[in-house]
Structures are given as structure tokens and as C-alpha cells.
Amino acid sequence: MKDSEPKRLVVLQTGLFPDAATVEEGIKKLEKRWVVRRHDIAGAARDTAAWDRVLADILTADKIITV
């Protein structure tokens, strides 16, 4: 990745983190400088194409946060 390209952040929303609101505040600040991709994976029923998109984003991410 070039220095001029924005960093990529993947947020996996699981519904398991008790203080998700605080983490979300920090993520909102990063959205100004980072490309943020969010995936709601709390519901286990996802099709193969949806999981493929999640995995593709994870593989290209600079950081991954599970909320």
C-alpha cells in the first residue's frame, strides 16, 4: 500500500461487546481518515457470497475491530 492511500478498517459487529458504544465513538473518529467497512455478523444465517465479502475485506484490512 502506498503512503497516500487511506488505511482500511474492518468492523465486525457481533453484539457480544458490552461497551460497544465507546468503541463506536472511536471508530467514528477514524472514519475521517480511514476506509471503514462494517459487517454485521451477529446473525449466523449468511449466504456464501456474504461470507466471501467479509473474508475479502478482512484479507485487505490494515486493522480489524470486533464489537
N, C-alpha and C. Protein backbone atom coordinates (compact mmCIF):
# COMPACT_ATOMS: atom_id res chain seq x y z
N MET A 1 0.83 -1.16 0.00
CA MET A 1 0.00 0.00 0.00
C MET A 1 0.89 1.24 0.00
N LYS A 2 0.51 2.24 -0.77
CA LYS A 2 1.24 3.50 -0.82
C LYS A 2 0.88 4.34 0.40
N ASP A 3 1.79 5.22 0.78
CA ASP A 3 1.55 6.09 1.93
C ASP A 3 0.34 6.99 1.72
N SER A 4 0.04 7.34 0.49
CA SER A 4 -1.06 8.25 0.21
C SER A 4 -2.43 7.56 0.26
N GLU A 5 -2.45 6.26 0.22
CA GLU A 5 -3.72 5.53 0.27
C GLU A 5 -4.24 5.48 1.71
N PRO A 6 -5.55 5.65 1.88
CA PRO A 6 -6.09 5.56 3.24
C PRO A 6 -6.01 4.13 3.76
N LYS A 7 -5.86 4.01 5.06
CA LYS A 7 -5.84 2.68 5.67
C LYS A 7 -7.25 2.12 5.70
N ARG A 8 -7.33 0.79 5.75
CA ARG A 8 -8.61 0.09 5.72
C ARG A 8 -8.89 -0.56 7.07
N LEU A 9 -10.08 -0.30 7.58
CA LEU A 9 -10.52 -0.85 8.85
C LEU A 9 -11.77 -1.67 8.61
N VAL A 10 -11.79 -2.87 9.14
CA VAL A 10 -12.98 -3.72 9.08
C VAL A 10 -13.55 -3.82 10.49
N VAL A 11 -14.84 -3.55 10.60
CA VAL A 11 -15.53 -3.64 11.88
C VAL A 11 -16.50 -4.82 11.79
N LEU A 12 -16.28 -5.80 12.65
CA LEU A 12 -17.17 -6.97 12.71
C LEU A 12 -18.11 -6.75 13.89
N GLN A 13 -19.36 -6.52 13.58
CA GLN A 13 -20.36 -6.25 14.61
C GLN A 13 -20.99 -7.57 15.04
N THR A 14 -20.63 -7.98 16.27
CA THR A 14 -21.08 -9.28 16.78
C THR A 14 -22.19 -9.17 17.81
N GLY A 15 -22.31 -8.01 18.44
CA GLY A 15 -23.28 -7.85 19.51
C GLY A 15 -22.80 -8.44 20.82
N LEU A 16 -21.54 -8.85 20.90
CA LEU A 16 -21.00 -9.51 22.09
C LEU A 16 -20.21 -8.57 22.99
N PHE A 17 -19.85 -7.41 22.50
CA PHE A 17 -19.00 -6.49 23.27
C PHE A 17 -19.88 -5.60 24.13
N PRO A 18 -19.72 -5.61 25.46
CA PRO A 18 -20.62 -4.88 26.34
C PRO A 18 -20.52 -3.36 26.24
N ASP A 19 -19.37 -2.82 25.85
CA ASP A 19 -19.22 -1.37 25.77
C ASP A 19 -19.01 -0.93 24.32
N ALA A 20 -19.85 -1.45 23.45
CA ALA A 20 -19.71 -1.17 22.02
C ALA A 20 -19.85 0.31 21.70
N ALA A 21 -20.65 1.03 22.47
CA ALA A 21 -20.88 2.45 22.20
C ALA A 21 -19.57 3.24 22.28
N THR A 22 -18.74 2.93 23.26
CA THR A 22 -17.46 3.63 23.41
C THR A 22 -16.54 3.33 22.23
N VAL A 23 -16.49 2.10 21.84
CA VAL A 23 -15.64 1.71 20.70
C VAL A 23 -16.16 2.37 19.42
N GLU A 24 -17.47 2.43 19.25
CA GLU A 24 -18.05 3.06 18.06
C GLU A 24 -17.69 4.54 17.99
N GLU A 25 -17.60 5.22 19.11
CA GLU A 25 -17.18 6.63 19.11
C GLU A 25 -15.77 6.77 18.53
N GLY A 26 -14.88 5.87 18.93
CA GLY A 26 -13.53 5.89 18.38
C GLY A 26 -13.49 5.58 16.91
N ILE A 27 -14.32 4.64 16.49
CA ILE A 27 -14.37 4.27 15.07
C ILE A 27 -14.87 5.45 14.24
N LYS A 28 -15.85 6.19 14.75
CA LYS A 28 -16.37 7.35 14.02
C LYS A 28 -15.28 8.38 13.77
N LYS A 29 -14.36 8.53 14.72
CA LYS A 29 -13.25 9.46 14.53
C LYS A 29 -12.31 8.96 13.43
N LEU A 30 -12.12 7.66 13.36
CA LEU A 30 -11.25 7.09 12.32
C LEU A 30 -11.85 7.20 10.93
N GLU A 31 -13.17 7.25 10.84
CA GLU A 31 -13.84 7.29 9.53
C GLU A 31 -13.42 8.50 8.70
N LYS A 32 -12.90 9.53 9.34
CA LYS A 32 -12.45 10.72 8.61
C LYS A 32 -11.17 10.45 7.83
N ARG A 33 -10.37 9.48 8.31
CA ARG A 33 -9.07 9.22 7.68
C ARG A 33 -8.95 7.82 7.10
N TRP A 34 -9.79 6.91 7.52
CA TRP A 34 -9.70 5.51 7.12
C TRP A 34 -10.92 5.13 6.29
N VAL A 35 -10.76 4.10 5.49
CA VAL A 35 -11.90 3.48 4.80
C VAL A 35 -12.43 2.41 5.77
N VAL A 36 -13.67 2.58 6.19
CA VAL A 36 -14.24 1.67 7.19
C VAL A 36 -15.31 0.81 6.53
N ARG A 37 -15.15 -0.50 6.66
CA ARG A 37 -16.14 -1.46 6.15
C ARG A 37 -16.74 -2.16 7.35
N ARG A 38 -18.04 -2.19 7.43
CA ARG A 38 -18.74 -2.81 8.56
C ARG A 38 -19.49 -4.06 8.10
N HIS A 39 -19.43 -5.07 8.95
CA HIS A 39 -20.17 -6.30 8.67
C HIS A 39 -20.89 -6.74 9.93
N ASP A 40 -22.19 -6.87 9.85
CA ASP A 40 -22.98 -7.37 10.97
C ASP A 40 -22.98 -8.89 10.88
N ILE A 41 -22.20 -9.50 11.76
CA ILE A 41 -22.11 -10.97 11.73
C ILE A 41 -22.80 -11.59 12.94
N ALA A 42 -23.63 -10.79 13.61
CA ALA A 42 -24.35 -11.28 14.79
C ALA A 42 -25.32 -12.41 14.41
N GLY A 43 -25.95 -12.29 13.27
CA GLY A 43 -26.84 -13.33 12.79
C GLY A 43 -26.05 -14.39 12.04
N ALA A 44 -26.10 -15.59 12.47
CA ALA A 44 -25.30 -16.66 11.87
C ALA A 44 -25.74 -17.03 10.46
N ALA A 45 -26.98 -16.74 10.10
CA ALA A 45 -27.51 -17.13 8.79
C ALA A 45 -27.07 -16.12 7.73
N ARG A 46 -25.98 -16.40 7.06
CA ARG A 46 -25.49 -15.58 5.95
C ARG A 46 -25.20 -16.52 4.78
N ASP A 47 -25.40 -16.01 3.60
CA ASP A 47 -25.11 -16.85 2.45
C ASP A 47 -23.61 -16.83 2.14
N THR A 48 -23.21 -17.72 1.27
CA THR A 48 -21.79 -17.86 0.94
C THR A 48 -21.21 -16.58 0.37
N ALA A 49 -21.96 -15.90 -0.47
CA ALA A 49 -21.46 -14.66 -1.07
C ALA A 49 -21.22 -13.60 0.00
N ALA A 50 -22.07 -13.53 1.00
CA ALA A 50 -21.90 -12.56 2.09
C ALA A 50 -20.63 -12.86 2.87
N TRP A 51 -20.40 -14.13 3.18
CA TRP A 51 -19.17 -14.50 3.90
C TRP A 51 -17.94 -14.25 3.04
N ASP A 52 -18.06 -14.44 1.74
CA ASP A 52 -16.93 -14.15 0.85
C ASP A 52 -16.56 -12.67 0.91
N ARG A 53 -17.57 -11.78 0.98
CA ARG A 53 -17.31 -10.35 1.08
C ARG A 53 -16.62 -10.02 2.41
N VAL A 54 -17.08 -10.65 3.48
CA VAL A 54 -16.45 -10.44 4.80
C VAL A 54 -14.98 -10.86 4.74
N LEU A 55 -14.73 -12.03 4.21
CA LEU A 55 -13.35 -12.53 4.15
C LEU A 55 -12.47 -11.68 3.24
N ALA A 56 -13.01 -11.22 2.13
CA ALA A 56 -12.23 -10.37 1.22
C ALA A 56 -11.84 -9.07 1.92
N ASP A 57 -12.77 -8.50 2.69
CA ASP A 57 -12.45 -7.27 3.42
C ASP A 57 -11.42 -7.54 4.51
N ILE A 58 -11.54 -8.66 5.20
CA ILE A 58 -10.58 -9.00 6.25
C ILE A 58 -9.18 -9.15 5.65
N LEU A 59 -9.08 -9.80 4.52
CA LEU A 59 -7.78 -10.04 3.91
C LEU A 59 -7.09 -8.77 3.44
N THR A 60 -7.84 -7.72 3.15
CA THR A 60 -7.25 -6.47 2.69
C THR A 60 -7.21 -5.40 3.77
N ALA A 61 -7.62 -5.73 4.98
CA ALA A 61 -7.70 -4.74 6.05
C ALA A 61 -6.33 -4.48 6.68
N ASP A 62 -6.16 -3.24 7.12
CA ASP A 62 -4.99 -2.90 7.93
C ASP A 62 -5.27 -3.17 9.40
N LYS A 63 -6.52 -3.03 9.80
CA LYS A 63 -6.94 -3.31 11.18
C LYS A 63 -8.33 -3.92 11.15
N ILE A 64 -8.59 -4.78 12.14
CA ILE A 64 -9.90 -5.41 12.30
C ILE A 64 -10.34 -5.19 13.74
N ILE A 65 -11.55 -4.69 13.92
CA ILE A 65 -12.10 -4.50 15.25
C ILE A 65 -13.38 -5.30 15.37
N THR A 66 -13.48 -6.08 16.44
CA THR A 66 -14.70 -6.84 16.71
C THR A 66 -15.45 -6.12 17.82
N VAL A 67 -16.70 -5.80 17.53
CA VAL A 67 -17.53 -5.08 18.50
C VAL A 67 -18.70 -5.95 18.88
